[in-house]
Amino acid sequence: MLHSYQVIKKISNTFNNIRITKIMLAPVMVAKGGKKLLNDEAIKVLKKKLIKKVTLITPNIPEAAILSGVIYPIVMGWQWCGG
């Protein structure tokens, strides 16, 4: 888990110095129950610096909502992003 903005910045900078062509990121920002695991500063750095450098990102639904800026409604126990 990338637990702080300092760690996220360090990893982002490391990607500039290595030759990896395919990077997958599981952001681990929000628990299934909806509790945020990263503070707002760390999320901001993740969005601004790290996401641009990955090939595939695998967020859960609450994480996808934070990353995309789309608010997801809860209907009959199901959650979704989009319109």
C-alpha atoms as a PDB file:
ATOM      1  CA  MET A   1       0.000   0.000   0.000  1.00  0.00           C
ATOM      2  CA  LEU A   2       1.272   3.443  -0.911  1.00  0.00           C
ATOM      3  CA  HIS A   3       0.477   5.011   2.437  1.00  0.00           C
ATOM      4  CA  SER A   4       1.721   8.601   2.083  1.00  0.00           C
ATOM      5  CA  TYR A   5       2.334  11.284  -0.506  1.00  0.00           C
ATOM      6  CA  GLN A   6       6.095  11.000   0.152  1.00  0.00           C
ATOM      7  CA  VAL A   7       6.089   7.310  -0.786  1.00  0.00           C
ATOM      8  CA  ILE A   8       3.957   7.971  -3.875  1.00  0.00           C
ATOM      9  CA  LYS A   9       6.345  10.744  -5.033  1.00  0.00           C
ATOM     10  CA  LYS A  10       9.367   8.504  -4.487  1.00  0.00           C
ATOM     11  CA  ILE A  11       7.853   5.671  -6.524  1.00  0.00           C
ATOM     12  CA  SER A  12       6.802   8.077  -9.272  1.00  0.00           C
ATOM     13  CA  ASN A  13      10.346   9.456  -9.461  1.00  0.00           C
ATOM     14  CA  THR A  14      11.789   5.927  -9.477  1.00  0.00           C
ATOM     15  CA  PHE A  15       9.668   5.069 -12.524  1.00  0.00           C
ATOM     16  CA  ASN A  16      11.510   7.858 -14.365  1.00  0.00           C
ATOM     17  CA  ASN A  17      14.812   6.053 -13.812  1.00  0.00           C
ATOM     18  CA  ILE A  18      13.930   2.459 -14.673  1.00  0.00           C
ATOM     19  CA  ARG A  19      12.957   0.747 -17.900  1.00  0.00           C
ATOM     20  CA  ILE A  20       9.705  -0.963 -17.115  1.00  0.00           C
ATOM     21  CA  THR A  21       7.198  -0.746 -19.935  1.00  0.00           C
ATOM     22  CA  LYS A  22       4.110  -2.156 -18.239  1.00  0.00           C
ATOM     23  CA  ILE A  23       3.096  -1.117 -14.737  1.00  0.00           C
ATOM     24  CA  MET A  24      -0.092  -2.153 -12.934  1.00  0.00           C
ATOM     25  CA  LEU A  25      -1.406  -0.132 -10.008  1.00  0.00           C
ATOM     26  CA  ALA A  26      -3.912  -1.289  -7.402  1.00  0.00           C
ATOM     27  CA  PRO A  27      -4.389   2.058  -5.647  1.00  0.00           C
ATOM     28  CA  VAL A  28      -5.685   0.792  -2.253  1.00  0.00           C
ATOM     29  CA  MET A  29      -7.158   4.171  -1.324  1.00  0.00           C
ATOM     30  CA  VAL A  30     -10.549   3.197   0.073  1.00  0.00           C
ATOM     31  CA  ALA A  31     -11.616   0.111   1.993  1.00  0.00           C
ATOM     32  CA  LYS A  32     -14.658  -1.851   0.832  1.00  0.00           C
ATOM     33  CA  GLY A  33     -16.673  -0.315   3.658  1.00  0.00           C
ATOM     34  CA  GLY A  34     -15.890   3.176   2.337  1.00  0.00           C
ATOM     35  CA  LYS A  35     -13.229   4.267   4.850  1.00  0.00           C
ATOM     36  CA  LYS A  36     -10.468   6.327   3.199  1.00  0.00           C
ATOM     37  CA  LEU A  37      -7.030   4.782   3.667  1.00  0.00           C
ATOM     38  CA  LEU A  38      -5.111   7.731   2.188  1.00  0.00           C
ATOM     39  CA  ASN A  39      -5.351  11.380   3.066  1.00  0.00           C
ATOM     40  CA  ASP A  40      -6.308  13.998   0.457  1.00  0.00           C
ATOM     41  CA  GLU A  41      -2.705  15.083  -0.179  1.00  0.00           C
ATOM     42  CA  ALA A  42      -1.633  11.518  -0.967  1.00  0.00           C
ATOM     43  CA  ILE A  43      -4.616  11.049  -3.306  1.00  0.00           C
ATOM     44  CA  LYS A  44      -3.773  14.315  -5.075  1.00  0.00           C
ATOM     45  CA  VAL A  45      -0.158  13.199  -5.674  1.00  0.00           C
ATOM     46  CA  LEU A  46      -1.317   9.759  -6.806  1.00  0.00           C
ATOM     47  CA  LYS A  47      -3.647  11.334  -9.370  1.00  0.00           C
ATOM     48  CA  LYS A  48      -1.174  13.971 -10.549  1.00  0.00           C
ATOM     49  CA  LYS A  49       2.094  12.035 -10.658  1.00  0.00           C
ATOM     50  CA  LEU A  50       1.668   8.275 -10.538  1.00  0.00           C
ATOM     51  CA  ILE A  51      -1.433   7.415 -12.555  1.00  0.00           C
ATOM     52  CA  LYS A  52       0.065   8.939 -15.719  1.00  0.00           C
ATOM     53  CA  LYS A  53       2.871   6.387 -15.574  1.00  0.00           C
ATOM     54  CA  VAL A  54       0.894   3.172 -15.229  1.00  0.00           C
ATOM     55  CA  THR A  55      -0.460   0.899 -17.935  1.00  0.00           C
ATOM     56  CA  LEU A  56      -3.357  -0.551 -15.949  1.00  0.00           C
ATOM     57  CA  ILE A  57      -5.100   0.650 -12.800  1.00  0.00           C
ATOM     58  CA  THR A  58      -7.454  -1.599 -10.815  1.00  0.00           C
ATOM     59  CA  PRO A  59      -9.457   0.542  -8.378  1.00  0.00           C
ATOM     60  CA  ASN A  60     -12.477  -0.683  -6.496  1.00  0.00           C
ATOM     61  CA  ILE A  61     -15.713   1.258  -7.063  1.00  0.00           C
ATOM     62  CA  PRO A  62     -15.188   3.903  -4.346  1.00  0.00           C
ATOM     63  CA  GLU A  63     -11.598   4.421  -5.548  1.00  0.00           C
ATOM     64  CA  ALA A  64     -12.771   4.747  -9.155  1.00  0.00           C
ATOM     65  CA  ALA A  65     -15.252   7.397  -8.021  1.00  0.00           C
ATOM     66  CA  ILE A  66     -12.496   9.409  -6.295  1.00  0.00           C
ATOM     67  CA  LEU A  67     -10.104   9.095  -9.238  1.00  0.00           C
ATOM     68  CA  SER A  68     -12.707   9.957 -11.865  1.00  0.00           C
ATOM     69  CA  GLY A  69     -14.588  12.597  -9.916  1.00  0.00           C
ATOM     70  CA  VAL A  70     -17.864  10.772 -10.597  1.00  0.00           C
ATOM     71  CA  ILE A  71     -20.144  10.377  -7.588  1.00  0.00           C
ATOM     72  CA  TYR A  72     -21.712   6.944  -7.524  1.00  0.00           C
ATOM     73  CA  PRO A  73     -25.182   6.338  -6.128  1.00  0.00           C
ATOM     74  CA  ILE A  74     -26.093   3.329  -4.041  1.00  0.00           C
ATOM     75  CA  VAL A  75     -29.237   1.616  -5.285  1.00  0.00           C
ATOM     76  CA  MET A  76     -30.572  -1.656  -3.871  1.00  0.00           C
ATOM     77  CA  GLY A  77     -27.162  -2.538  -2.426  1.00  0.00           C
ATOM     78  CA  TRP A  78     -25.328  -2.129  -5.752  1.00  0.00           C
ATOM     79  CA  GLN A  79     -22.901   0.687  -6.474  1.00  0.00           C
ATOM     80  CA  TRP A  80     -21.767   1.949  -9.847  1.00  0.00           C
ATOM     81  CA  CYS A  81     -19.792   4.743 -11.482  1.00  0.00           C
ATOM     82  CA  GLY A  82     -20.906   6.489 -14.620  1.00  0.00           C
ATOM     83  CA  GLY A  83     -24.121   7.768 -15.962  1.00  0.00           C
END
